[in-house]
Amino acid sequence: MIAAQVSTIDAASCSPAGRAAGGAHSGIEFYHLLTGRCPAEVDIDDDGDFDRHVLASILAAAAMDGGPLAERAGVAEQELNDLLACYFPLAEVRAFAWIHGPAPVDDETIMVRDLLLAQRSTDGEVGRWLASMVARRAMEPNHLWEDLGLRERPELSRLLARHFAPLAARNTRNMRWKRFFYRMLCEDDGFVMCTTPVCTQCNDFDACFGEESGESRMAERRREFLRGGGDHSDAGSGRLA
């Protein structure tokens, strides 16, 4: 089970209260403030615990990026307030400054969000929040599971199979999820993105089906911070390709 503890979170600056905003080492700390646990310790056998783990991981990854937490996570500020109140009620949250209003959402993010929303397989708000969050984090440069703050790719596959089952079931060849989203968008619009009828004959095979192993962003950043290594800020942005 994921246990929560009473802590103060500065949601506007994406950092634990009293710490530097956007610090690269804050991902694990932010996750801990939400759940009372480190990511490596949580038991996610239960679906409810898994959902809380996923939401905490996405928020922690967004906090690592710096900037407004709601925008980096892909939800509106009020939605973030509702999410925190529902899934992390024991974590105290400072009031938001509402002067900036909702951040603009680009067309590509909207397309991925709508694709996910149309394939929802669970009721309630969490599926709707996750559609927006996954779509926004898909615009970042790393593997999708990494930019969601998850510990490994199978957690992303479980997330999609649980909350977006019809879509996940179409990925019969275990294509990389970002590439798969793009393929589904093209096919739904009547286009064909592939240059060959057989995947194994395509020059882009490794880009679509290559290995997605690696270390979670939070674990990697924490290790670098403890070593005292240089600038931990993210550079650049990614798209679905």
Protein backbone atom coordinates (compact mmCIF):
# COMPACT_ATOMS: atom_id res chain seq x y z
CA MET A 1 0.00 0.00 0.00
CA ILE A 2 1.07 3.57 -0.62
CA ALA A 3 1.02 5.59 2.58
CA ALA A 4 0.83 9.38 2.61
CA GLN A 5 2.22 11.85 5.11
CA VAL A 6 1.28 15.43 5.89
CA SER A 7 3.70 17.70 4.05
CA THR A 8 3.65 21.10 2.40
CA ILE A 9 3.97 21.31 -1.38
CA ASP A 10 4.54 24.53 -3.26
CA ALA A 11 2.59 23.51 -6.34
CA ALA A 12 3.13 26.78 -8.16
CA SER A 13 6.93 26.44 -8.16
CA CYS A 14 6.99 22.63 -8.44
CA SER A 15 9.19 22.10 -5.42
CA PRO A 16 8.97 21.04 -1.80
CA ALA A 17 8.51 24.08 0.39
CA GLY A 18 11.78 25.65 1.41
CA ARG A 19 13.78 24.09 -1.44
CA ALA A 20 14.96 25.56 -4.72
CA ALA A 21 12.29 25.51 -7.41
CA GLY A 22 12.90 23.10 -10.25
CA GLY A 23 15.86 21.38 -8.59
CA ALA A 24 16.85 18.29 -10.54
CA HIS A 25 17.04 16.24 -7.35
CA SER A 26 13.49 17.11 -6.32
CA GLY A 27 11.72 14.30 -8.20
CA ILE A 28 12.10 11.62 -5.53
CA GLU A 29 11.49 14.21 -2.79
CA PHE A 30 8.31 15.38 -4.48
CA TYR A 31 7.09 11.80 -4.89
CA HIS A 32 7.88 11.18 -1.23
CA LEU A 33 5.96 14.27 -0.15
CA LEU A 34 2.91 13.01 -2.01
CA THR A 35 3.03 9.36 -0.98
CA GLY A 36 5.30 9.06 2.05
CA ARG A 37 7.41 6.52 0.13
CA CYS A 38 10.28 6.45 -2.32
CA PRO A 39 9.28 5.18 -5.79
CA ALA A 40 11.39 2.04 -5.53
CA GLU A 41 9.58 0.94 -2.36
CA VAL A 42 5.93 1.07 -3.40
CA ASP A 43 3.68 -1.95 -3.80
CA ILE A 44 1.48 -1.50 -6.87
CA ASP A 45 -0.28 -4.87 -7.03
CA ASP A 46 -3.60 -3.18 -6.23
CA ASP A 47 -5.04 -1.08 -9.07
CA GLY A 48 -5.77 1.83 -6.74
CA ASP A 49 -2.19 1.87 -5.49
CA PHE A 50 -0.97 1.61 -9.07
CA ASP A 51 -3.03 4.66 -10.08
CA ARG A 52 -1.63 6.69 -7.18
CA HIS A 53 1.89 5.60 -8.09
CA VAL A 54 1.38 6.66 -11.71
CA LEU A 55 -0.06 10.04 -10.79
CA ALA A 56 2.68 10.72 -8.23
CA SER A 57 5.33 9.68 -10.76
CA ILE A 58 3.99 12.01 -13.46
CA LEU A 59 3.79 14.93 -11.05
CA ALA A 60 7.31 14.24 -9.79
CA ALA A 61 8.68 14.09 -13.35
CA ALA A 62 6.89 17.33 -14.18
CA ALA A 63 8.33 18.94 -11.04
CA MET A 64 11.82 17.98 -12.16
CA ASP A 65 11.34 19.98 -15.36
CA GLY A 66 10.69 23.23 -13.52
CA GLY A 67 8.04 25.80 -14.38
CA PRO A 68 4.31 25.67 -13.59
CA LEU A 69 3.52 22.17 -12.37
CA ALA A 70 0.03 22.00 -13.88
CA GLU A 71 1.29 22.92 -17.35
CA ARG A 72 4.23 20.53 -17.24
CA ALA A 73 1.95 17.73 -16.04
CA GLY A 74 -0.68 18.48 -18.69
CA VAL A 75 -3.69 19.44 -16.56
CA ALA A 76 -5.44 22.66 -15.68
CA GLU A 77 -4.70 24.18 -12.27
CA GLN A 78 -8.14 23.33 -10.91
CA GLU A 79 -7.79 19.77 -12.20
CA LEU A 80 -4.46 19.52 -10.40
CA ASN A 81 -6.10 20.76 -7.20
CA ASP A 82 -8.84 18.15 -7.60
CA LEU A 83 -6.31 15.40 -8.33
CA LEU A 84 -4.24 16.23 -5.26
CA ALA A 85 -7.32 16.39 -3.05
CA CYS A 86 -8.59 13.03 -4.34
CA TYR A 87 -5.40 10.95 -4.42
CA PHE A 88 -3.09 12.71 -1.97
CA PRO A 89 -5.43 14.27 0.61
CA LEU A 90 -2.88 14.23 3.43
CA ALA A 91 -0.36 16.30 1.51
CA GLU A 92 -0.95 20.00 2.21
CA VAL A 93 -1.01 22.18 -0.90
CA ARG A 94 -0.47 25.89 -1.01
CA ALA A 95 -3.05 28.00 -2.83
CA PHE A 96 -2.43 28.63 -6.52
CA ALA A 97 -1.97 32.08 -8.00
CA TRP A 98 -4.69 32.21 -10.63
CA ILE A 99 -3.46 35.29 -12.48
CA HIS A 100 -1.89 33.41 -15.37
CA GLY A 101 -4.93 31.39 -16.39
CA PRO A 102 -4.78 28.13 -18.35
CA ALA A 103 -1.69 27.50 -20.47
CA PRO A 104 -2.23 27.07 -24.22
CA VAL A 105 -2.20 23.49 -25.48
CA ASP A 106 -0.64 22.78 -28.88
CA ASP A 107 -2.47 20.88 -31.60
CA GLU A 108 -0.32 17.76 -31.39
CA THR A 109 -0.96 17.36 -27.68
CA ILE A 110 -4.69 17.80 -28.27
CA MET A 111 -4.63 15.11 -30.96
CA VAL A 112 -2.96 12.56 -28.68
CA ARG A 113 -5.24 13.50 -25.77
CA ASP A 114 -8.35 13.05 -27.90
CA LEU A 115 -7.06 9.72 -29.20
CA LEU A 116 -6.69 8.49 -25.63
CA LEU A 117 -10.00 9.93 -24.47
CA ALA A 118 -11.82 8.11 -27.26
CA GLN A 119 -10.34 4.80 -26.05
CA ARG A 120 -10.97 5.08 -22.31
CA SER A 121 -11.76 1.83 -20.50
CA THR A 122 -12.25 3.06 -16.92
CA ASP A 123 -14.82 5.38 -15.38
CA GLY A 124 -14.13 8.42 -13.24
CA GLU A 125 -11.82 11.37 -13.49
CA VAL A 126 -8.49 9.54 -13.36
CA GLY A 127 -8.75 8.29 -16.95
CA ARG A 128 -9.52 11.77 -18.20
CA TRP A 129 -6.64 13.26 -16.21
CA LEU A 130 -4.27 10.59 -17.47
CA ALA A 131 -5.27 11.17 -21.11
CA SER A 132 -4.20 14.80 -20.77
CA MET A 133 -1.10 13.98 -18.74
CA VAL A 134 0.16 11.24 -21.04
CA ALA A 135 -0.45 13.43 -24.09
CA ARG A 136 1.48 16.34 -22.60
CA ARG A 137 4.39 14.22 -21.40
CA ALA A 138 4.56 12.56 -24.85
CA MET A 139 5.89 15.88 -26.13
CA GLU A 140 9.06 15.49 -24.06
CA PRO A 141 12.26 14.07 -25.63
CA ASN A 142 12.81 10.76 -23.84
CA HIS A 143 11.02 7.42 -23.93
CA LEU A 144 7.45 8.02 -22.80
CA TRP A 145 7.75 5.84 -19.69
CA GLU A 146 10.77 7.92 -18.65
CA ASP A 147 9.04 11.26 -19.12
CA LEU A 148 6.08 9.96 -17.12
CA GLY A 149 8.52 9.30 -14.27
CA LEU A 150 7.72 5.57 -14.27
CA ARG A 151 10.24 2.96 -13.17
CA GLU A 152 10.14 0.86 -16.33
CA ARG A 153 8.28 0.47 -19.61
CA PRO A 154 5.95 -2.33 -18.40
CA GLU A 155 4.36 0.20 -16.01
CA LEU A 156 3.41 2.32 -19.01
CA SER A 157 1.98 -0.70 -20.80
CA ARG A 158 -0.06 -1.53 -17.70
CA LEU A 159 -1.30 2.07 -17.46
CA LEU A 160 -2.49 2.04 -21.06
CA ALA A 161 -4.00 -1.46 -20.83
CA ARG A 162 -5.89 -0.48 -17.68
CA HIS A 163 -7.23 2.95 -18.67
CA PHE A 164 -7.16 2.84 -22.49
CA ALA A 165 -7.62 -0.87 -23.20
CA PRO A 166 -9.06 -0.71 -26.76
CA LEU A 167 -6.10 1.39 -27.90
CA ALA A 168 -3.50 -0.68 -26.05
CA ALA A 169 -4.93 -3.89 -27.54
CA ARG A 170 -4.17 -2.59 -31.04
CA ASN A 171 -0.44 -2.51 -30.29
CA THR A 172 -0.09 -6.20 -31.08
CA ARG A 173 3.61 -5.99 -32.01
CA ASN A 174 4.72 -4.02 -28.95
CA MET A 175 5.62 -0.92 -30.94
CA ARG A 176 7.13 1.98 -29.03
CA TRP A 177 4.19 3.84 -27.58
CA LYS A 178 4.96 7.29 -29.00
CA ARG A 179 5.36 5.83 -32.48
CA PHE A 180 2.23 3.78 -31.96
CA PHE A 181 0.17 6.87 -31.04
CA TYR A 182 1.40 8.60 -34.19
CA ARG A 183 0.56 5.56 -36.31
CA MET A 184 -2.96 5.40 -34.89
CA LEU A 185 -3.51 9.09 -35.56
CA CYS A 186 -2.41 8.66 -39.17
CA GLU A 187 -4.56 5.57 -39.71
CA ASP A 188 -7.61 7.20 -38.15
CA ASP A 189 -7.18 10.08 -40.62
CA GLY A 190 -6.83 7.68 -43.55
CA PHE A 191 -3.09 8.09 -44.01
CA VAL A 192 -0.34 5.48 -44.06
CA MET A 193 2.85 6.49 -42.25
CA CYS A 194 4.82 3.37 -43.20
CA THR A 195 6.94 3.17 -46.35
CA THR A 196 6.79 -0.64 -46.55
CA PRO A 197 3.91 -3.09 -46.01
CA VAL A 198 6.05 -5.33 -43.76
CA CYS A 199 7.62 -3.82 -40.63
CA THR A 200 10.72 -6.02 -40.74
CA GLN A 201 11.58 -4.64 -44.19
CA CYS A 202 11.39 -1.00 -43.08
CA ASN A 203 14.47 1.14 -42.52
CA ASP A 204 12.75 2.67 -39.48
CA PHE A 205 12.18 -0.66 -37.76
CA ASP A 206 14.53 0.12 -34.84
CA ALA A 207 12.90 3.52 -34.33
CA CYS A 208 9.50 1.87 -33.98
CA PHE A 209 10.39 -1.35 -32.18
CA GLY A 210 13.82 -0.76 -30.64
CA GLU A 211 14.58 -1.57 -27.03
CA GLU A 212 13.32 0.94 -24.45
CA SER A 213 15.44 -0.14 -21.52
CA GLY A 214 17.07 2.41 -19.28
CA GLU A 215 17.00 3.91 -15.83
CA SER A 216 14.10 5.94 -14.52
CA ARG A 217 14.65 9.68 -14.63
CA MET A 218 14.22 10.07 -10.89
CA ALA A 219 16.74 7.35 -10.07
CA GLU A 220 19.27 8.72 -12.54
CA ARG A 221 18.89 12.32 -11.36
CA ARG A 222 19.12 11.31 -7.72
CA ARG A 223 22.36 9.43 -8.34
CA GLU A 224 23.86 12.36 -10.26
CA PHE A 225 22.86 14.77 -7.52
CA LEU A 226 24.47 12.63 -4.83
CA ARG A 227 27.65 12.55 -6.91
CA GLY A 228 27.53 16.35 -7.09
CA GLY A 229 27.57 16.43 -10.86
CA GLY A 230 26.98 19.76 -12.74
CA ASP A 231 23.80 21.10 -14.31
CA HIS A 232 20.81 18.75 -14.06
CA SER A 233 18.37 20.78 -16.11
CA ASP A 234 16.63 19.23 -19.10
CA ALA A 235 17.43 20.56 -22.52
CA GLY A 236 15.31 20.60 -25.62
CA SER A 237 11.86 19.20 -26.28
CA GLY A 238 10.65 16.16 -28.11
CA ARG A 239 7.77 15.18 -30.32
CA LEU A 240 6.07 11.94 -31.20
CA ALA A 241 8.62 10.76 -33.73
